[in-house]
Amino acid sequence: MIKEDIFSSQKIATAFGKRHDHILRDIRKLQDYDNALKQLFTLTGYKDKHGREYPMYYMTKEGFYF
């Protein structure tokens, strides 16, 4: 069985030198544009070093391409 690649919006922001809130905004725009794209993204969250919780998406490889 081949493991599907999963990416987090936070890691993508870091890798490309982008602000994480901009990545979140762009994902939400994609989801609003095409309802079928919603299945490529899963909303979750993470805690920073101070224990504050923030939104984050996990996405499939196809979601990353968009």
Protein backbone atom coordinates (compact mmCIF):
# COMPACT_ATOMS: atom_id res chain seq x y z
CA MET A 1 0.00 0.00 0.00
CA ILE A 2 1.31 3.44 -0.94
CA LYS A 3 1.14 6.06 1.80
CA GLU A 4 -0.56 9.26 0.68
CA ASP A 5 1.45 12.43 1.27
CA ILE A 6 -0.05 14.82 3.81
CA PHE A 7 1.08 18.42 4.24
CA SER A 8 0.26 20.96 6.94
CA SER A 9 -0.48 24.57 6.12
CA GLN A 10 1.97 25.64 8.80
CA LYS A 11 4.88 23.68 7.28
CA ILE A 12 4.05 24.98 3.81
CA ALA A 13 4.09 28.57 5.08
CA THR A 14 7.49 28.00 6.68
CA ALA A 15 8.95 26.23 3.65
CA PHE A 16 7.91 29.00 1.25
CA GLY A 17 8.55 31.94 3.55
CA LYS A 18 4.88 32.95 3.64
CA ARG A 19 2.70 34.08 6.52
CA HIS A 20 0.57 31.24 7.83
CA ASP A 21 -2.56 33.41 7.97
CA HIS A 22 -2.15 34.08 4.23
CA ILE A 23 -1.97 30.35 3.52
CA LEU A 24 -5.15 29.84 5.58
CA ARG A 25 -6.87 32.65 3.67
CA ASP A 26 -5.91 31.13 0.32
CA ILE A 27 -7.19 27.68 1.33
CA ARG A 28 -10.52 29.18 2.42
CA LYS A 29 -10.80 31.01 -0.92
CA LEU A 30 -10.20 27.76 -2.79
CA GLN A 31 -12.86 26.01 -0.74
CA ASP A 32 -15.34 28.82 -1.37
CA TYR A 33 -14.59 28.74 -5.09
CA ASP A 34 -15.12 25.01 -5.57
CA ASN A 35 -16.99 22.92 -3.01
CA ALA A 36 -15.36 19.73 -4.36
CA LEU A 37 -11.96 21.00 -3.17
CA LYS A 38 -13.08 20.81 0.46
CA GLN A 39 -12.28 17.09 0.55
CA LEU A 40 -8.60 17.89 -0.06
CA PHE A 41 -8.29 19.93 3.17
CA THR A 42 -8.96 19.05 6.82
CA LEU A 43 -9.25 21.85 9.36
CA THR A 44 -7.45 21.14 12.61
CA GLY A 45 -5.42 23.20 15.04
CA TYR A 46 -2.09 23.49 16.79
CA LYS A 47 -0.81 25.06 19.98
CA ASP A 48 2.07 27.49 20.05
CA LYS A 49 4.78 27.49 22.68
CA HIS A 50 2.53 29.57 24.96
CA GLY A 51 -0.36 27.10 24.75
CA ARG A 52 -2.53 29.28 22.50
CA GLU A 53 -4.51 27.36 19.91
CA TYR A 54 -4.56 28.39 16.25
CA PRO A 55 -6.19 26.93 13.11
CA MET A 56 -4.21 24.83 10.68
CA TYR A 57 -5.10 22.67 7.69
CA TYR A 58 -3.83 19.29 6.69
CA MET A 59 -4.00 18.71 2.97
CA THR A 60 -3.44 15.95 0.49
CA LYS A 61 -0.82 16.18 -2.21
CA GLU A 62 -3.56 17.30 -4.61
CA GLY A 63 -4.57 20.07 -2.21
CA PHE A 64 -0.96 21.21 -2.05
CA TYR A 65 -0.85 21.51 -5.85
CA PHE A 66 -3.77 23.93 -5.79
